Each structure stands twice: as C-alpha cells, then as structure tokens.
N, C-alpha and C. Protein backbone atom coordinates (compact mmCIF):
# COMPACT_ATOMS: atom_id res chain seq x y z
N MET A 1 190.50 61.46 21.41
CA MET A 1 191.23 62.29 22.48
C MET A 1 191.75 61.38 23.39
N GLU A 2 192.93 61.42 23.93
CA GLU A 2 193.72 60.68 24.86
C GLU A 2 192.85 60.51 26.07
N SER A 3 192.71 59.43 26.94
CA SER A 3 192.17 59.49 28.31
C SER A 3 192.81 60.32 29.31
N ALA A 4 192.27 60.77 30.10
CA ALA A 4 192.89 61.45 31.30
C ALA A 4 193.85 60.59 32.07
N ALA A 5 193.48 59.29 32.20
CA ALA A 5 194.46 58.37 32.98
C ALA A 5 195.76 58.31 32.18
N ALA A 6 195.57 58.06 30.65
CA ALA A 6 196.68 57.80 29.99
C ALA A 6 197.61 59.03 29.87
N ALA A 7 196.93 60.22 29.92
CA ALA A 7 197.67 61.62 29.97
C ALA A 7 198.44 61.89 31.12
N ILE A 8 197.74 61.28 32.47
CA ILE A 8 198.54 61.34 33.64
C ILE A 8 199.54 60.50 33.57
N GLY A 9 199.64 59.17 33.16
CA GLY A 9 200.48 58.08 33.16
C GLY A 9 201.61 58.74 32.20
N ARG A 10 201.46 59.53 31.18
CA ARG A 10 202.38 59.89 30.22
C ARG A 10 203.21 61.25 30.74
N LEU A 11 202.30 61.91 31.43
CA LEU A 11 202.91 63.32 31.65
C LEU A 11 203.56 63.56 33.13
N VAL A 12 202.85 62.90 34.22
CA VAL A 12 203.15 63.36 35.46
C VAL A 12 204.57 62.73 35.94
N VAL A 13 205.32 63.24 36.49
CA VAL A 13 206.82 62.85 36.68
C VAL A 13 206.93 62.55 38.23
N ASP A 14 207.30 61.51 38.70
CA ASP A 14 207.70 61.30 40.06
C ASP A 14 209.19 61.78 40.41
N VAL A 15 209.09 62.68 41.57
CA VAL A 15 210.16 63.44 41.88
C VAL A 15 210.74 62.51 43.23
N PRO A 16 211.63 61.89 43.59
CA PRO A 16 211.91 61.55 44.76
C PRO A 16 212.56 62.21 45.66
N ASP A 17 212.33 62.15 47.02
CA ASP A 17 212.87 62.83 48.25
C ASP A 17 212.62 64.41 47.95
N TYR A 18 211.39 64.72 47.28
CA TYR A 18 210.96 66.24 47.41
C TYR A 18 209.45 66.39 47.98
N PRO A 19 209.42 67.13 49.08
CA PRO A 19 210.22 68.37 49.47
C PRO A 19 211.20 67.86 50.54
N GLU A 20 210.97 66.60 50.93
CA GLU A 20 211.85 66.02 52.05
C GLU A 20 212.17 64.41 51.61
N PRO A 21 213.41 63.89 52.39
CA PRO A 21 213.70 62.55 52.10
C PRO A 21 212.42 61.78 52.37
N GLY A 22 212.27 60.71 51.49
CA GLY A 22 211.34 59.73 51.64
C GLY A 22 209.81 60.00 51.12
N VAL A 23 209.68 61.12 50.81
CA VAL A 23 208.48 61.66 50.05
C VAL A 23 208.75 61.59 48.45
N VAL A 24 207.89 60.98 47.86
CA VAL A 24 207.85 61.04 46.19
C VAL A 24 206.85 62.03 45.79
N PHE A 25 207.10 63.10 45.32
CA PHE A 25 206.32 64.21 44.83
C PHE A 25 205.68 63.81 43.41
N LYS A 26 204.68 64.25 43.17
CA LYS A 26 204.05 64.11 41.91
C LYS A 26 203.92 65.25 41.10
N ASP A 27 204.93 65.54 40.10
CA ASP A 27 205.02 66.94 39.51
C ASP A 27 204.13 66.78 38.30
N ILE A 28 202.98 67.73 38.41
CA ILE A 28 202.00 67.79 37.37
C ILE A 28 202.33 68.82 36.25
N MET A 29 203.31 69.52 36.36
CA MET A 29 203.82 70.73 35.46
C MET A 29 203.48 70.26 34.13
N PRO A 30 204.43 68.84 33.94
CA PRO A 30 204.25 68.60 32.36
C PRO A 30 202.76 68.39 31.89
N LEU A 31 201.98 68.01 32.63
CA LEU A 31 200.56 67.69 32.22
C LEU A 31 199.91 68.97 32.09
N LEU A 32 199.96 70.11 33.06
CA LEU A 32 199.35 71.35 32.65
C LEU A 32 199.99 72.02 31.50
N ALA A 33 201.15 71.74 31.09
CA ALA A 33 201.67 72.28 29.78
C ALA A 33 201.16 71.57 28.42
N ASP A 34 200.55 70.40 28.71
CA ASP A 34 200.17 69.56 27.39
C ASP A 34 198.69 70.05 27.39
N PRO A 35 198.21 70.71 26.11
CA PRO A 35 196.66 71.15 25.97
C PRO A 35 195.77 69.90 26.05
N GLN A 36 196.14 68.72 25.32
CA GLN A 36 195.34 67.76 24.83
C GLN A 36 195.29 66.98 26.47
N GLY A 37 196.39 66.75 27.14
CA GLY A 37 196.47 66.24 28.42
C GLY A 37 195.49 66.84 29.45
N LEU A 38 195.80 68.17 29.46
CA LEU A 38 195.12 69.15 30.42
C LEU A 38 193.53 69.10 30.06
N ALA A 39 193.19 69.23 28.77
CA ALA A 39 191.75 69.01 28.34
C ALA A 39 191.05 67.71 28.89
N ALA A 40 191.61 66.67 28.60
CA ALA A 40 191.24 65.41 29.16
C ALA A 40 190.99 65.24 30.62
N VAL A 41 191.92 65.68 31.48
CA VAL A 41 192.02 65.89 32.84
C VAL A 41 190.80 66.81 33.36
N VAL A 42 190.40 67.93 32.83
CA VAL A 42 189.34 68.87 33.18
C VAL A 42 188.03 68.17 32.68
N VAL A 43 187.98 67.52 31.61
CA VAL A 43 186.65 66.85 31.39
C VAL A 43 186.34 65.72 32.43
N ALA A 44 187.47 64.82 33.11
CA ALA A 44 187.38 63.75 33.81
C ALA A 44 186.97 64.37 35.16
N LEU A 45 187.57 65.50 35.70
CA LEU A 45 187.30 65.95 36.98
C LEU A 45 185.84 66.75 36.88
N ALA A 46 185.53 67.45 35.94
CA ALA A 46 184.29 67.88 35.90
C ALA A 46 183.14 66.90 35.96
N SER A 47 183.50 65.52 35.48
CA SER A 47 182.28 64.74 35.45
C SER A 47 181.82 64.48 36.91
N ALA A 48 182.76 64.81 37.92
CA ALA A 48 182.24 64.44 39.53
C ALA A 48 181.45 65.52 39.86
N GLY A 49 181.26 66.64 39.01
CA GLY A 49 180.26 67.64 39.39
C GLY A 49 178.82 67.57 38.40
N ARG A 50 178.77 66.35 37.90
CA ARG A 50 177.58 65.92 37.11
C ARG A 50 176.72 64.91 37.62
N ASP A 51 175.72 64.51 37.36
CA ASP A 51 174.84 63.52 37.87
C ASP A 51 174.84 62.58 36.62
N GLU A 52 174.21 61.43 36.49
CA GLU A 52 174.38 60.59 35.34
C GLU A 52 173.66 60.86 34.17
N ARG A 53 172.88 61.78 34.17
CA ARG A 53 172.21 62.52 32.92
C ARG A 53 173.08 63.70 32.44
N GLY A 54 174.13 63.96 32.99
CA GLY A 54 175.14 64.90 32.63
C GLY A 54 174.75 66.35 33.22
N ASP A 55 173.76 66.43 33.88
CA ASP A 55 173.25 67.82 34.35
C ASP A 55 174.20 68.17 35.69
N VAL A 56 174.69 69.47 35.96
CA VAL A 56 175.44 69.84 36.96
C VAL A 56 174.87 69.94 38.16
N VAL A 57 175.40 69.39 39.20
CA VAL A 57 174.84 69.28 40.55
C VAL A 57 175.46 69.89 41.57
N VAL A 58 176.24 70.90 41.26
CA VAL A 58 177.24 71.60 42.29
C VAL A 58 176.93 73.03 41.86
N ASP A 59 177.16 73.94 42.76
CA ASP A 59 177.07 75.48 42.67
C ASP A 59 178.47 76.09 42.65
N LYS A 60 179.55 75.39 43.15
CA LYS A 60 180.84 76.02 43.20
C LYS A 60 181.61 74.97 42.92
N VAL A 61 183.04 75.23 42.63
CA VAL A 61 184.09 74.29 42.62
C VAL A 61 185.06 75.13 43.44
N VAL A 62 185.63 74.39 44.64
CA VAL A 62 186.61 74.84 45.34
C VAL A 62 188.10 74.20 45.32
N GLY A 63 189.05 74.96 44.96
CA GLY A 63 190.35 74.31 44.46
C GLY A 63 191.34 74.67 45.71
N MET A 64 192.09 73.84 45.94
CA MET A 64 193.00 74.11 47.29
C MET A 64 194.51 74.33 46.69
N GLU A 65 195.06 75.26 47.68
CA GLU A 65 196.47 75.79 47.32
C GLU A 65 197.51 74.60 47.07
N ALA A 66 198.36 74.83 45.92
CA ALA A 66 198.17 75.70 44.96
C ALA A 66 197.75 74.84 43.72
N ARG A 67 198.22 73.81 43.58
CA ARG A 67 197.98 72.99 42.23
C ARG A 67 196.43 72.74 42.14
N GLY A 68 195.88 72.39 43.14
CA GLY A 68 194.28 72.45 43.19
C GLY A 68 193.62 73.40 42.47
N PHE A 69 193.93 74.51 42.75
CA PHE A 69 193.20 75.61 42.00
C PHE A 69 193.53 76.09 40.75
N ILE A 70 194.76 75.49 40.24
CA ILE A 70 195.20 75.53 39.08
C ILE A 70 194.18 74.56 38.20
N LEU A 71 193.77 73.38 38.64
CA LEU A 71 192.94 72.68 38.25
C LEU A 71 191.53 73.02 38.32
N ALA A 72 191.24 73.42 39.41
CA ALA A 72 189.73 73.73 39.65
C ALA A 72 189.10 74.82 38.96
N ALA A 73 189.91 75.88 38.53
CA ALA A 73 189.60 76.94 37.72
C ALA A 73 188.94 76.53 36.29
N PRO A 74 189.41 75.73 35.57
CA PRO A 74 188.80 75.26 34.30
C PRO A 74 187.90 74.25 34.55
N VAL A 75 187.80 73.60 35.64
CA VAL A 75 186.77 72.68 35.86
C VAL A 75 185.51 73.33 36.25
N ALA A 76 185.43 74.62 36.96
CA ALA A 76 184.51 75.28 37.12
C ALA A 76 183.79 75.83 36.02
N LEU A 77 184.78 76.41 35.06
CA LEU A 77 184.42 76.85 33.84
C LEU A 77 183.48 75.77 33.00
N ALA A 78 184.03 74.73 32.98
CA ALA A 78 183.38 73.55 32.29
C ALA A 78 182.11 73.08 32.69
N LEU A 79 181.89 73.33 34.28
CA LEU A 79 180.66 73.07 34.72
C LEU A 79 179.71 74.39 34.68
N GLY A 80 180.25 75.41 34.44
CA GLY A 80 179.56 76.91 34.28
C GLY A 80 179.10 77.37 35.75
N VAL A 81 180.01 77.06 36.73
CA VAL A 81 179.80 77.54 37.89
C VAL A 81 180.93 78.24 38.55
N GLY A 82 180.68 78.77 39.68
CA GLY A 82 182.04 79.93 40.04
C GLY A 82 183.14 78.76 40.85
N PHE A 83 184.17 79.59 40.90
CA PHE A 83 185.35 79.01 41.45
C PHE A 83 185.89 79.76 42.88
N VAL A 84 186.07 78.89 43.78
CA VAL A 84 186.55 79.57 44.86
C VAL A 84 188.15 78.81 45.25
N PRO A 85 188.95 79.86 45.46
CA PRO A 85 190.27 79.18 45.95
C PRO A 85 190.35 79.20 47.47
N VAL A 86 191.07 78.24 47.92
CA VAL A 86 191.48 78.01 49.21
C VAL A 86 193.16 78.21 49.27
N ARG A 87 193.49 79.18 50.03
CA ARG A 87 194.72 79.64 50.21
C ARG A 87 195.60 79.16 51.49
N LYS A 88 196.84 79.25 51.45
CA LYS A 88 197.66 79.24 52.56
C LYS A 88 197.34 80.50 53.54
N ALA A 89 197.67 80.58 54.84
CA ALA A 89 197.23 81.53 55.50
C ALA A 89 198.18 82.89 55.26
N GLY A 90 197.13 83.87 55.25
CA GLY A 90 197.69 85.27 55.05
C GLY A 90 197.76 85.51 53.33
N LYS A 91 197.34 84.79 52.67
CA LYS A 91 197.25 85.17 51.28
C LYS A 91 195.92 85.60 50.76
N LEU A 92 195.04 85.73 51.53
CA LEU A 92 193.71 86.27 51.03
C LEU A 92 193.31 87.57 51.84
N PRO A 93 192.80 88.34 51.25
CA PRO A 93 192.49 89.94 51.72
C PRO A 93 191.02 89.46 52.22
N ARG A 94 190.75 90.46 53.23
CA ARG A 94 189.18 90.67 53.70
C ARG A 94 189.20 89.38 54.66
N ASP A 95 187.81 88.98 55.42
CA ASP A 95 187.61 88.10 56.50
C ASP A 95 187.82 86.89 55.95
N THR A 96 188.52 85.85 56.73
CA THR A 96 188.54 84.59 56.34
C THR A 96 188.30 83.68 57.62
N HIS A 97 187.82 82.35 57.24
CA HIS A 97 187.95 81.01 58.00
C HIS A 97 189.22 80.47 57.86
N ALA A 98 189.78 80.06 58.99
CA ALA A 98 191.00 79.35 58.90
C ALA A 98 190.86 78.05 59.72
N VAL A 99 191.68 76.97 58.99
CA VAL A 99 191.85 75.69 59.67
C VAL A 99 193.24 75.21 59.68
N SER A 100 193.96 74.65 60.75
CA SER A 100 195.08 74.04 60.52
C SER A 100 195.19 72.75 60.49
N TYR A 101 196.16 72.07 60.12
CA TYR A 101 196.03 70.50 60.04
C TYR A 101 197.32 69.90 59.82
N ALA A 102 197.42 68.63 59.79
CA ALA A 102 198.76 68.13 59.69
C ALA A 102 198.94 67.54 58.34
N LEU A 103 200.14 67.72 57.63
CA LEU A 103 200.18 67.07 56.33
C LEU A 103 200.85 65.98 56.54
N GLU A 104 201.25 65.05 55.48
CA GLU A 104 202.20 63.88 55.59
C GLU A 104 203.50 64.19 55.98
N TYR A 105 204.12 65.41 55.83
CA TYR A 105 205.42 65.91 56.16
C TYR A 105 205.36 67.23 56.79
N GLY A 106 204.47 67.42 57.73
CA GLY A 106 204.46 68.87 58.26
C GLY A 106 203.12 69.28 58.75
N GLU A 107 203.25 70.56 58.92
CA GLU A 107 201.87 71.32 59.27
C GLU A 107 201.33 72.36 58.41
N ALA A 108 200.07 72.64 58.25
CA ALA A 108 199.79 74.06 57.46
C ALA A 108 198.41 74.46 57.79
N THR A 109 198.13 75.64 57.40
CA THR A 109 196.95 76.48 57.76
C THR A 109 196.33 76.79 56.43
N LEU A 110 195.14 76.44 56.21
CA LEU A 110 194.31 77.04 54.89
C LEU A 110 193.32 78.25 55.44
N GLU A 111 193.13 79.12 54.44
CA GLU A 111 191.95 79.97 54.65
C GLU A 111 191.02 80.23 53.36
N MET A 112 189.83 80.44 53.72
CA MET A 112 188.86 80.80 52.77
C MET A 112 188.01 82.04 53.14
N GLN A 113 187.93 82.83 52.10
CA GLN A 113 187.03 84.05 52.47
C GLN A 113 185.83 83.74 53.06
N ARG A 114 185.37 84.33 53.88
CA ARG A 114 183.98 84.09 54.63
C ARG A 114 182.85 84.12 53.69
N ASP A 115 182.82 85.06 52.74
CA ASP A 115 181.70 85.26 51.89
C ASP A 115 181.87 84.50 50.51
N SER A 116 182.78 83.60 50.52
CA SER A 116 183.11 82.83 49.12
C SER A 116 181.73 82.05 48.78
N LEU A 117 180.88 81.65 49.67
CA LEU A 117 179.96 80.63 49.47
C LEU A 117 178.49 81.39 49.95
N ILE A 118 177.47 80.92 49.40
CA ILE A 118 176.21 81.22 49.87
C ILE A 118 175.67 80.04 50.84
N ASP A 119 175.05 80.40 51.55
CA ASP A 119 174.41 79.23 52.60
C ASP A 119 173.70 78.01 51.77
N GLY A 120 174.04 76.92 51.90
CA GLY A 120 173.53 75.82 51.02
C GLY A 120 174.24 75.62 49.77
N ASP A 121 175.33 76.34 49.26
CA ASP A 121 176.06 76.01 48.19
C ASP A 121 176.58 74.53 48.29
N ARG A 122 176.27 73.85 47.03
CA ARG A 122 176.76 72.48 46.90
C ARG A 122 178.11 72.63 46.29
N VAL A 123 179.20 72.04 46.87
CA VAL A 123 180.58 72.45 46.55
C VAL A 123 181.26 71.02 46.01
N LEU A 124 181.90 71.11 44.72
CA LEU A 124 182.95 70.18 44.32
C LEU A 124 184.39 70.59 44.86
N LEU A 125 184.84 69.82 45.49
CA LEU A 125 186.43 70.01 45.81
C LEU A 125 187.46 69.49 44.81
N VAL A 126 188.31 70.20 44.49
CA VAL A 126 189.39 69.78 43.53
C VAL A 126 190.82 69.84 43.99
N ASP A 127 191.50 68.65 43.75
CA ASP A 127 192.85 68.78 44.14
C ASP A 127 193.75 67.91 43.23
N ASP A 128 195.04 67.92 43.52
CA ASP A 128 195.65 67.23 42.33
C ASP A 128 196.00 65.71 43.03
N VAL A 129 196.35 65.53 44.22
CA VAL A 129 196.53 64.30 45.06
C VAL A 129 195.90 64.11 46.16
N LEU A 130 195.19 62.96 46.36
CA LEU A 130 194.58 62.61 47.66
C LEU A 130 195.56 61.69 48.40
N ALA A 131 196.21 62.14 49.41
CA ALA A 131 197.25 61.34 50.15
C ALA A 131 196.65 61.10 51.38
N THR A 132 197.06 61.66 52.46
CA THR A 132 196.57 61.30 54.00
C THR A 132 195.11 61.89 54.09
N GLY A 133 194.72 62.81 53.11
CA GLY A 133 193.40 63.58 53.33
C GLY A 133 193.40 64.76 54.21
N GLY A 134 194.56 65.08 54.67
CA GLY A 134 194.63 66.25 55.49
C GLY A 134 194.09 67.45 54.95
N THR A 135 194.71 68.02 53.73
CA THR A 135 194.11 69.01 52.97
C THR A 135 192.79 69.04 52.69
N ALA A 136 192.27 67.90 51.97
CA ALA A 136 190.94 68.07 51.66
C ALA A 136 189.95 67.99 52.92
N ALA A 137 190.33 67.49 53.95
CA ALA A 137 189.50 67.37 55.25
C ALA A 137 189.45 68.94 55.68
N ALA A 138 190.52 69.69 55.79
CA ALA A 138 190.64 70.91 56.17
C ALA A 138 189.65 72.02 55.24
N THR A 139 189.81 71.50 54.13
CA THR A 139 189.05 72.36 53.01
C THR A 139 187.71 71.95 53.34
N ARG A 140 187.17 70.73 53.39
CA ARG A 140 185.84 70.46 53.80
C ARG A 140 185.32 71.33 55.15
N ASP A 141 186.11 71.31 55.98
CA ASP A 141 185.79 72.16 57.20
C ASP A 141 185.51 73.52 57.12
N LEU A 142 186.59 74.15 55.90
CA LEU A 142 186.25 75.72 55.70
C LEU A 142 184.99 75.81 54.85
N VAL A 143 184.42 74.94 53.90
CA VAL A 143 183.33 74.95 53.15
C VAL A 143 182.23 74.93 53.92
N ALA A 144 182.35 73.96 55.24
CA ALA A 144 180.99 73.96 56.15
C ALA A 144 181.05 75.25 56.88
N ALA A 145 182.09 75.88 57.43
CA ALA A 145 182.09 77.19 58.13
C ALA A 145 181.68 78.30 57.28
N CYS A 146 181.55 78.22 55.91
CA CYS A 146 181.11 79.12 55.09
C CYS A 146 179.93 78.96 54.77
N GLY A 147 179.29 77.98 55.28
CA GLY A 147 177.80 77.69 54.94
C GLY A 147 177.39 76.54 53.66
N GLY A 148 178.54 76.18 53.12
CA GLY A 148 178.19 75.15 52.05
C GLY A 148 178.35 73.80 52.66
N SER A 149 178.15 72.87 51.43
CA SER A 149 178.23 71.21 51.89
C SER A 149 178.99 70.64 50.69
N VAL A 150 179.84 69.76 51.03
CA VAL A 150 180.57 69.01 50.01
C VAL A 150 180.05 67.97 49.36
N SER A 151 179.80 68.23 48.13
CA SER A 151 179.32 67.25 47.23
C SER A 151 179.99 66.05 46.63
N GLY A 152 181.13 66.47 46.72
CA GLY A 152 182.16 65.44 46.22
C GLY A 152 183.60 65.85 46.18
N LEU A 153 184.37 65.03 46.12
CA LEU A 153 186.01 65.46 45.84
C LEU A 153 186.55 64.78 44.50
N ALA A 154 187.29 65.50 43.73
CA ALA A 154 187.63 64.97 42.59
C ALA A 154 189.19 65.37 42.54
N VAL A 155 190.02 64.19 42.22
CA VAL A 155 191.52 64.29 42.19
C VAL A 155 192.05 63.58 40.96
N LEU A 156 193.21 64.23 40.70
CA LEU A 156 193.88 63.49 39.73
C LEU A 156 194.48 62.29 39.81
N MET A 157 194.96 62.06 41.28
CA MET A 157 195.58 60.76 41.51
C MET A 157 195.24 60.79 43.10
N GLU A 158 194.87 59.39 43.41
CA GLU A 158 194.87 59.01 44.75
C GLU A 158 195.87 58.02 45.13
N LEU A 159 196.68 58.14 46.26
CA LEU A 159 197.53 57.42 46.67
C LEU A 159 196.92 56.23 47.57
N SER A 160 196.68 55.28 47.17
CA SER A 160 195.91 54.24 48.07
C SER A 160 196.51 53.68 49.12
N PHE A 161 197.83 53.72 49.17
CA PHE A 161 198.65 53.16 50.39
C PHE A 161 198.51 54.09 51.47
N LEU A 162 197.97 55.40 51.30
CA LEU A 162 197.77 56.29 52.41
C LEU A 162 196.40 56.39 52.68
N PRO A 163 195.82 56.87 53.88
CA PRO A 163 194.45 56.87 54.38
C PRO A 163 193.52 57.87 53.87
N GLY A 164 193.80 58.67 52.83
CA GLY A 164 193.24 59.76 52.40
C GLY A 164 191.52 59.44 52.33
N ARG A 165 191.24 58.42 51.55
CA ARG A 165 189.62 57.94 51.46
C ARG A 165 189.05 57.87 52.77
N ALA A 166 189.66 57.36 53.58
CA ALA A 166 189.04 57.20 55.07
C ALA A 166 188.32 58.36 55.52
N THR A 167 189.23 59.45 55.22
CA THR A 167 188.91 60.85 55.95
C THR A 167 187.51 61.15 55.53
N PHE A 168 186.87 60.83 54.44
CA PHE A 168 185.82 61.33 53.80
C PHE A 168 184.64 60.66 54.09
N GLY A 169 184.66 59.52 54.60
CA GLY A 169 183.17 59.02 55.05
C GLY A 169 182.38 58.63 53.61
N ASP A 170 181.27 59.24 53.53
CA ASP A 170 180.45 58.99 52.44
C ASP A 170 180.19 59.82 51.39
N VAL A 171 181.35 60.92 51.48
CA VAL A 171 181.53 61.77 50.31
C VAL A 171 182.00 60.98 49.21
N PRO A 172 181.22 61.31 48.00
CA PRO A 172 181.88 60.57 46.89
C PRO A 172 183.19 61.20 46.50
N ILE A 173 183.98 60.32 46.16
CA ILE A 173 185.61 60.81 45.70
C ILE A 173 185.63 60.26 44.17
N THR A 174 185.89 61.10 43.31
CA THR A 174 186.45 60.76 41.95
C THR A 174 187.91 61.08 41.72
N SER A 175 188.59 59.58 41.35
CA SER A 175 190.11 59.68 41.44
C SER A 175 190.07 59.30 39.91
N VAL A 176 190.86 60.01 39.10
CA VAL A 176 191.35 59.52 37.78
C VAL A 176 192.23 58.52 37.85
N VAL A 177 193.40 58.64 38.52
CA VAL A 177 194.13 57.52 38.68
C VAL A 177 194.35 57.08 40.14
N VAL A 178 194.48 55.82 40.23
CA VAL A 178 194.56 55.43 41.74
C VAL A 178 195.95 54.69 41.76
N ALA A 179 196.78 55.11 42.58
CA ALA A 179 198.18 54.31 42.78
C ALA A 179 198.44 53.69 43.99
C-alpha cells in the first residue's frame, strides 16, 4: 500500500490565490476521491489515537468544519470510537458552546453541541491543515467547555512556516506531511 505521505504528495493540489490573493489553498478533494490514498491517510491519522502497543487511547474523534470532519469520521470508525463534528455558527441544532477566533485570512465562529462529550472524554482532534492554529485552538476550547480533554491533534499537512504548532504547547501533534 502507498504511504499516506506519498498519496498526499501525489493527490493534493495547490490552488494559488484562493480564497483570496496571497493564500495557497490545499485542495484535498482528489485525495478523498482516491480509495487507496484515502485509506492510507485514515490509517496514518488514526495512529495518533493509539499508544505504542496499538491500543486505542481516545474516547472520541472531533473533526473541524468542513474537511476535518470528512477525515475524522473514518478515523473514528478505524479506532472504534465516536465522532463529533465541530461546525460553523448556526449549523447545529440544540444547545451549543461557541468560540470565535481569527483565521489566517479572516474571522470565524465554531460551535459544538454541549452534550457531545462525557466529562473526562479523551479526544483526538482531526483536521486537514494546521496553519496558524486558530481553528484547532478554538476546537480545543470547545472540547474543554464540553468536559473533554484533548489527547492529540492529527492533521494531513502542517505548514511549518506558520505558527500553528506553537498554539498547542505540549499536546502531541501528528502531521502526515510537514511543508
């Protein structure tokens, strides 16, 4: 089987000046459409929810809107744990916690349903790209507000020229590819 890093290199497409000038968007849609590439990526991301013996060490996988939860759902299945989506404001029914934060090119608000986690749940965060860390940090705050604790963050790609990793302190970060 092809490695996850090789699949990302082969299938992720850079789109310059999207969604605005100066931003290089990482389009993962070709990766999602490739069953072997997607399978390799799910295995690599799920490894962040296991210890060195291969035992599952998380209770839930939380995926961030929108590409993060496309990846997080199969990761949760691979680990045999529940999946929780974090959505943009106004997209979830029932009571939610909300956190507003700065993006590399704007501002956003994320929400998580208040009853998504049980007090003490150990959570693996999953997203496609770690850039400035704003989305992941906002999601970490939502997990805490719901009674959980973040055990790790797993991403397809980490943009090392941006300060995302610094926003997480001692939380383990698994990056399939660092650019």
